[in-house]
């Protein structure tokens, strides 16, 4: 898990985690991760990016729409995490405590 500042763009956090990605065939991500350098880095690691193009891109890059629809499971997990008031409102100012609360919530959600 990696915690970045709230105003930081998504692909800045992706840059920090790129070297620690596990082996995968495809990476599902939303438009916030649409950057040429990120796509190229994934392709170099033999990971197919399934990222829709940003609306401002001059030439849209095609993606597998059927595969992208499965991303809702990821969004559902974040929605379940936000059911925990402490996580949704981020009461903890200390990043270690906040990540601990996220991990605890994820464990309980998985266990139940």
N, C-alpha and C. Protein backbone atom coordinates (compact mmCIF):
# COMPACT_ATOMS: atom_id res chain seq x y z
N UNK A 1 0.85 -1.18 0.00
CA UNK A 1 0.00 0.00 0.00
C UNK A 1 0.89 1.23 0.00
N UNK A 2 0.45 2.24 -0.70
CA UNK A 2 1.20 3.49 -0.81
C UNK A 2 0.22 4.64 -0.61
N UNK A 3 0.58 5.57 0.23
CA UNK A 3 -0.28 6.72 0.52
C UNK A 3 0.39 7.97 0.00
N UNK A 4 -0.29 8.67 -0.89
CA UNK A 4 0.24 9.93 -1.41
C UNK A 4 -0.63 11.07 -0.90
N UNK A 5 -0.18 12.28 -1.14
CA UNK A 5 -0.97 13.45 -0.73
C UNK A 5 -2.28 13.48 -1.52
N UNK A 6 -3.31 14.05 -0.94
CA UNK A 6 -4.63 14.05 -1.56
C UNK A 6 -4.69 14.80 -2.88
N UNK A 7 -3.85 15.81 -3.05
CA UNK A 7 -3.89 16.61 -4.27
C UNK A 7 -2.94 16.09 -5.35
N UNK A 8 -2.24 15.00 -5.08
CA UNK A 8 -1.30 14.43 -6.03
C UNK A 8 -2.06 13.63 -7.09
N UNK A 9 -1.61 13.73 -8.34
CA UNK A 9 -2.28 12.98 -9.41
C UNK A 9 -2.00 11.48 -9.25
N UNK A 10 -2.87 10.69 -9.84
CA UNK A 10 -2.79 9.23 -9.69
C UNK A 10 -1.50 8.65 -10.23
N UNK A 11 -1.06 9.13 -11.37
CA UNK A 11 0.10 8.48 -11.96
C UNK A 11 1.41 8.83 -11.27
N UNK A 12 1.44 9.82 -10.41
CA UNK A 12 2.63 10.09 -9.60
C UNK A 12 2.81 8.96 -8.58
N UNK A 13 1.72 8.52 -7.97
CA UNK A 13 1.77 7.38 -7.07
C UNK A 13 2.11 6.10 -7.81
N UNK A 14 1.64 5.99 -9.05
CA UNK A 14 1.95 4.81 -9.86
C UNK A 14 3.44 4.74 -10.16
N UNK A 15 4.06 5.89 -10.35
CA UNK A 15 5.51 5.91 -10.60
C UNK A 15 6.27 5.33 -9.42
N UNK A 16 5.82 5.64 -8.21
CA UNK A 16 6.49 5.14 -7.01
C UNK A 16 6.32 3.63 -6.85
N UNK A 17 5.20 3.10 -7.32
CA UNK A 17 4.92 1.67 -7.15
C UNK A 17 5.28 0.81 -8.36
N UNK A 18 5.70 1.43 -9.44
CA UNK A 18 5.94 0.70 -10.68
C UNK A 18 6.97 -0.40 -10.52
N UNK A 19 8.03 -0.14 -9.80
CA UNK A 19 9.09 -1.15 -9.66
C UNK A 19 8.65 -2.34 -8.82
N UNK A 20 7.63 -2.16 -7.98
CA UNK A 20 7.20 -3.25 -7.10
C UNK A 20 5.93 -3.96 -7.59
N UNK A 21 5.52 -3.71 -8.83
CA UNK A 21 4.35 -4.40 -9.37
C UNK A 21 4.63 -5.89 -9.49
N UNK A 22 3.70 -6.73 -9.10
CA UNK A 22 3.89 -8.17 -9.29
C UNK A 22 3.70 -8.53 -10.76
N UNK A 23 4.17 -9.70 -11.16
CA UNK A 23 3.97 -10.12 -12.55
C UNK A 23 2.48 -10.21 -12.87
N UNK A 24 2.09 -9.65 -13.98
CA UNK A 24 0.68 -9.65 -14.38
C UNK A 24 0.61 -9.61 -15.90
N UNK A 25 -0.55 -9.99 -16.42
CA UNK A 25 -0.76 -9.91 -17.86
C UNK A 25 -1.37 -8.58 -18.25
N UNK A 26 -2.30 -8.06 -17.41
CA UNK A 26 -3.05 -6.85 -17.73
C UNK A 26 -3.13 -5.98 -16.48
N UNK A 27 -3.10 -4.67 -16.69
CA UNK A 27 -3.33 -3.73 -15.59
C UNK A 27 -4.56 -2.91 -15.92
N UNK A 28 -5.58 -2.99 -15.07
CA UNK A 28 -6.80 -2.21 -15.24
C UNK A 28 -6.65 -0.91 -14.46
N UNK A 29 -6.89 0.21 -15.10
CA UNK A 29 -6.78 1.49 -14.42
C UNK A 29 -7.74 2.48 -15.07
N UNK A 30 -8.07 3.54 -14.34
CA UNK A 30 -8.98 4.54 -14.89
C UNK A 30 -8.20 5.61 -15.66
N UNK A 31 -8.91 6.62 -16.13
CA UNK A 31 -8.31 7.65 -16.97
C UNK A 31 -7.20 8.44 -16.27
N UNK A 32 -7.20 8.45 -14.95
CA UNK A 32 -6.18 9.17 -14.21
C UNK A 32 -4.78 8.63 -14.43
N UNK A 33 -4.68 7.41 -14.92
CA UNK A 33 -3.38 6.77 -15.17
C UNK A 33 -2.98 6.82 -16.64
N UNK A 34 -3.70 7.57 -17.44
CA UNK A 34 -3.40 7.65 -18.87
C UNK A 34 -2.24 8.61 -19.11
N UNK A 35 -1.05 8.05 -19.17
CA UNK A 35 0.15 8.80 -19.49
C UNK A 35 1.03 7.91 -20.37
N UNK A 36 1.63 8.51 -21.38
CA UNK A 36 2.44 7.73 -22.31
C UNK A 36 3.59 7.01 -21.60
N UNK A 37 4.27 7.69 -20.67
CA UNK A 37 5.40 7.07 -19.98
C UNK A 37 4.94 5.86 -19.17
N UNK A 38 3.73 5.95 -18.58
CA UNK A 38 3.21 4.85 -17.77
C UNK A 38 2.86 3.65 -18.66
N UNK A 39 2.20 3.93 -19.77
CA UNK A 39 1.87 2.86 -20.72
C UNK A 39 3.14 2.17 -21.22
N UNK A 40 4.14 2.96 -21.58
CA UNK A 40 5.39 2.39 -22.09
C UNK A 40 6.10 1.57 -21.02
N UNK A 41 6.09 2.04 -19.78
CA UNK A 41 6.73 1.29 -18.69
C UNK A 41 6.02 -0.05 -18.48
N UNK A 42 4.70 -0.07 -18.58
CA UNK A 42 3.96 -1.33 -18.44
C UNK A 42 4.28 -2.28 -19.59
N UNK A 43 4.34 -1.76 -20.79
CA UNK A 43 4.64 -2.61 -21.95
C UNK A 43 6.04 -3.19 -21.84
N UNK A 44 6.99 -2.41 -21.33
CA UNK A 44 8.36 -2.93 -21.13
C UNK A 44 8.38 -4.09 -20.14
N UNK A 45 7.44 -4.10 -19.20
CA UNK A 45 7.35 -5.19 -18.22
C UNK A 45 6.43 -6.30 -18.69
N UNK A 46 6.04 -6.27 -19.94
CA UNK A 46 5.12 -7.26 -20.54
C UNK A 46 3.76 -7.27 -19.86
N UNK A 47 3.28 -6.09 -19.49
CA UNK A 47 1.95 -5.93 -18.91
C UNK A 47 1.12 -5.10 -19.89
N UNK A 48 -0.01 -5.64 -20.30
CA UNK A 48 -0.88 -4.92 -21.23
C UNK A 48 -1.70 -3.90 -20.46
N UNK A 49 -1.60 -2.61 -20.80
CA UNK A 49 -2.43 -1.62 -20.11
C UNK A 49 -3.85 -1.61 -20.66
N UNK A 50 -4.81 -1.66 -19.76
CA UNK A 50 -6.22 -1.52 -20.13
C UNK A 50 -6.70 -0.22 -19.48
N UNK A 51 -6.34 0.89 -20.13
CA UNK A 51 -6.60 2.22 -19.58
C UNK A 51 -7.31 3.03 -20.66
N UNK A 52 -8.50 3.53 -20.40
CA UNK A 52 -9.15 4.38 -21.40
C UNK A 52 -8.40 5.70 -21.54
N UNK A 53 -8.45 6.28 -22.72
CA UNK A 53 -7.76 7.54 -22.97
C UNK A 53 -8.47 8.70 -22.30
N UNK A 54 -7.66 9.68 -21.90
CA UNK A 54 -8.26 10.91 -21.37
C UNK A 54 -9.03 11.60 -22.48
N UNK A 55 -10.00 12.39 -22.09
CA UNK A 55 -10.85 13.05 -23.08
C UNK A 55 -10.07 14.08 -23.89
N UNK A 56 -9.02 14.65 -23.32
CA UNK A 56 -8.25 15.68 -24.02
C UNK A 56 -7.19 15.13 -24.95
N UNK A 57 -7.04 13.83 -25.04
CA UNK A 57 -6.02 13.23 -25.90
C UNK A 57 -6.43 13.40 -27.36
N UNK A 58 -5.49 13.82 -28.20
CA UNK A 58 -5.81 14.06 -29.61
C UNK A 58 -6.17 12.77 -30.34
N UNK A 59 -5.38 11.72 -30.13
CA UNK A 59 -5.67 10.43 -30.75
C UNK A 59 -5.96 9.42 -29.65
N UNK A 60 -7.18 8.94 -29.60
CA UNK A 60 -7.57 8.01 -28.55
C UNK A 60 -6.85 6.67 -28.71
N UNK A 61 -6.42 6.10 -27.60
CA UNK A 61 -5.77 4.80 -27.60
C UNK A 61 -6.84 3.76 -27.26
N UNK A 62 -7.02 2.75 -28.09
CA UNK A 62 -8.08 1.77 -27.83
C UNK A 62 -7.77 0.91 -26.60
N UNK A 63 -8.82 0.46 -25.94
CA UNK A 63 -8.70 -0.45 -24.80
C UNK A 63 -9.82 -1.48 -24.89
N UNK A 64 -9.66 -2.57 -24.18
CA UNK A 64 -10.65 -3.65 -24.17
C UNK A 64 -11.80 -3.25 -23.23
N UNK A 65 -12.91 -2.84 -23.79
CA UNK A 65 -14.04 -2.35 -22.99
C UNK A 65 -14.65 -3.45 -22.13
N UNK A 66 -14.69 -4.68 -22.63
CA UNK A 66 -15.25 -5.79 -21.85
C UNK A 66 -14.40 -6.08 -20.62
N UNK A 67 -13.10 -6.07 -20.79
CA UNK A 67 -12.20 -6.28 -19.67
C UNK A 67 -12.26 -5.11 -18.69
N UNK A 68 -12.37 -3.90 -19.20
CA UNK A 68 -12.41 -2.71 -18.35
C UNK A 68 -13.65 -2.71 -17.45
N UNK A 69 -14.74 -3.32 -17.90
CA UNK A 69 -15.96 -3.37 -17.09
C UNK A 69 -15.75 -4.15 -15.79
N UNK A 70 -14.78 -5.04 -15.78
CA UNK A 70 -14.51 -5.83 -14.57
C UNK A 70 -13.85 -4.99 -13.48
N UNK A 71 -13.45 -3.76 -13.82
CA UNK A 71 -12.83 -2.88 -12.86
C UNK A 71 -13.80 -2.46 -11.74
N UNK A 72 -15.09 -2.67 -11.94
CA UNK A 72 -16.07 -2.30 -10.93
C UNK A 72 -15.83 -3.06 -9.62
N UNK A 73 -15.21 -4.23 -9.69
CA UNK A 73 -14.92 -4.97 -8.46
C UNK A 73 -13.91 -4.23 -7.60
N UNK A 74 -12.96 -3.56 -8.23
CA UNK A 74 -12.00 -2.74 -7.50
C UNK A 74 -12.72 -1.56 -6.86
N UNK A 75 -13.58 -0.92 -7.63
CA UNK A 75 -14.33 0.23 -7.10
C UNK A 75 -15.25 -0.20 -5.96
N UNK A 76 -15.82 -1.40 -6.05
CA UNK A 76 -16.67 -1.91 -4.97
C UNK A 76 -15.87 -2.07 -3.68
N UNK A 77 -14.62 -2.51 -3.79
CA UNK A 77 -13.79 -2.67 -2.60
C UNK A 77 -13.52 -1.32 -1.95
N UNK A 78 -13.21 -0.31 -2.75
CA UNK A 78 -12.99 1.02 -2.18
C UNK A 78 -14.28 1.56 -1.55
N UNK A 79 -15.42 1.26 -2.14
CA UNK A 79 -16.70 1.69 -1.56
C UNK A 79 -16.93 1.01 -0.21
N UNK A 80 -16.57 -0.27 -0.11
CA UNK A 80 -16.72 -0.96 1.17
C UNK A 80 -15.77 -0.41 2.21
N UNK A 81 -14.56 -0.02 1.80
CA UNK A 81 -13.63 0.60 2.74
C UNK A 81 -14.18 1.92 3.26
N UNK A 82 -14.87 2.65 2.38
CA UNK A 82 -15.40 3.95 2.78
C UNK A 82 -16.63 3.82 3.67
N UNK A 83 -17.16 2.60 3.82
CA UNK A 83 -18.21 2.38 4.80
C UNK A 83 -17.68 2.59 6.21
N UNK A 84 -16.38 2.43 6.37
CA UNK A 84 -15.74 2.67 7.66
C UNK A 84 -15.52 4.17 7.79
N UNK A 85 -16.22 4.77 8.71
CA UNK A 85 -16.20 6.21 8.86
C UNK A 85 -14.80 6.76 9.07
N UNK A 86 -14.00 6.05 9.83
CA UNK A 86 -12.64 6.50 10.12
C UNK A 86 -11.81 6.59 8.84
N UNK A 87 -12.03 5.67 7.91
CA UNK A 87 -11.29 5.68 6.65
C UNK A 87 -11.84 6.74 5.70
N UNK A 88 -13.17 6.84 5.61
CA UNK A 88 -13.80 7.77 4.67
C UNK A 88 -13.49 9.22 5.01
N UNK A 89 -13.47 9.57 6.28
CA UNK A 89 -13.24 10.96 6.68
C UNK A 89 -11.79 11.25 7.02
N UNK A 90 -10.98 10.21 7.05
CA UNK A 90 -9.55 10.31 7.35
C UNK A 90 -9.30 11.12 8.63
N UNK A 91 -9.79 10.55 9.73
CA UNK A 91 -9.58 11.19 11.03
C UNK A 91 -8.11 11.25 11.40
N UNK A 92 -7.35 10.24 11.02
CA UNK A 92 -5.95 10.16 11.42
C UNK A 92 -5.09 11.07 10.56
N UNK A 93 -4.35 11.95 11.21
CA UNK A 93 -3.45 12.82 10.45
C UNK A 93 -2.14 12.10 10.14
N UNK A 94 -1.77 11.19 10.99
CA UNK A 94 -0.53 10.45 10.80
C UNK A 94 -0.75 9.38 9.71
N UNK A 95 0.08 9.37 8.67
CA UNK A 95 -0.13 8.40 7.58
C UNK A 95 -0.05 6.95 8.04
N UNK A 96 0.80 6.67 9.02
CA UNK A 96 0.94 5.28 9.50
C UNK A 96 -0.36 4.81 10.16
N UNK A 97 -0.98 5.67 10.94
CA UNK A 97 -2.24 5.31 11.59
C UNK A 97 -3.36 5.15 10.56
N UNK A 98 -3.37 6.01 9.55
CA UNK A 98 -4.40 5.92 8.52
C UNK A 98 -4.26 4.61 7.73
N UNK A 99 -3.03 4.27 7.33
CA UNK A 99 -2.82 3.02 6.61
C UNK A 99 -3.14 1.81 7.48
N UNK A 100 -2.87 1.92 8.77
CA UNK A 100 -3.23 0.84 9.69
C UNK A 100 -4.73 0.66 9.76
N UNK A 101 -5.47 1.77 9.81
CA UNK A 101 -6.93 1.70 9.83
C UNK A 101 -7.45 1.09 8.53
N UNK A 102 -6.84 1.45 7.39
CA UNK A 102 -7.24 0.87 6.09
C UNK A 102 -6.98 -0.63 6.07
N UNK A 103 -5.82 -1.04 6.57
CA UNK A 103 -5.48 -2.46 6.59
C UNK A 103 -6.43 -3.23 7.50
N UNK A 104 -6.72 -2.68 8.66
CA UNK A 104 -7.65 -3.34 9.57
C UNK A 104 -9.03 -3.48 8.96
N UNK A 105 -9.50 -2.41 8.32
CA UNK A 105 -10.82 -2.45 7.66
C UNK A 105 -10.83 -3.50 6.55
N UNK A 106 -9.74 -3.57 5.77
CA UNK A 106 -9.67 -4.54 4.67
C UNK A 106 -9.68 -5.97 5.20
N UNK A 107 -8.99 -6.19 6.31
CA UNK A 107 -8.97 -7.54 6.90
C UNK A 107 -10.35 -7.94 7.37
N UNK A 108 -11.03 -7.04 8.06
CA UNK A 108 -12.38 -7.37 8.56
C UNK A 108 -13.35 -7.57 7.40
N UNK A 109 -13.25 -6.75 6.37
CA UNK A 109 -14.13 -6.91 5.21
C UNK A 109 -13.88 -8.26 4.53
N UNK A 110 -12.62 -8.63 4.40
CA UNK A 110 -12.28 -9.90 3.76
C UNK A 110 -12.76 -11.07 4.61
N UNK A 111 -12.61 -10.95 5.93
CA UNK A 111 -12.96 -12.03 6.85
C UNK A 111 -14.46 -12.24 6.88
N UNK A 112 -15.23 -11.15 6.81
CA UNK A 112 -16.69 -11.28 6.87
C UNK A 112 -17.17 -11.62 5.50
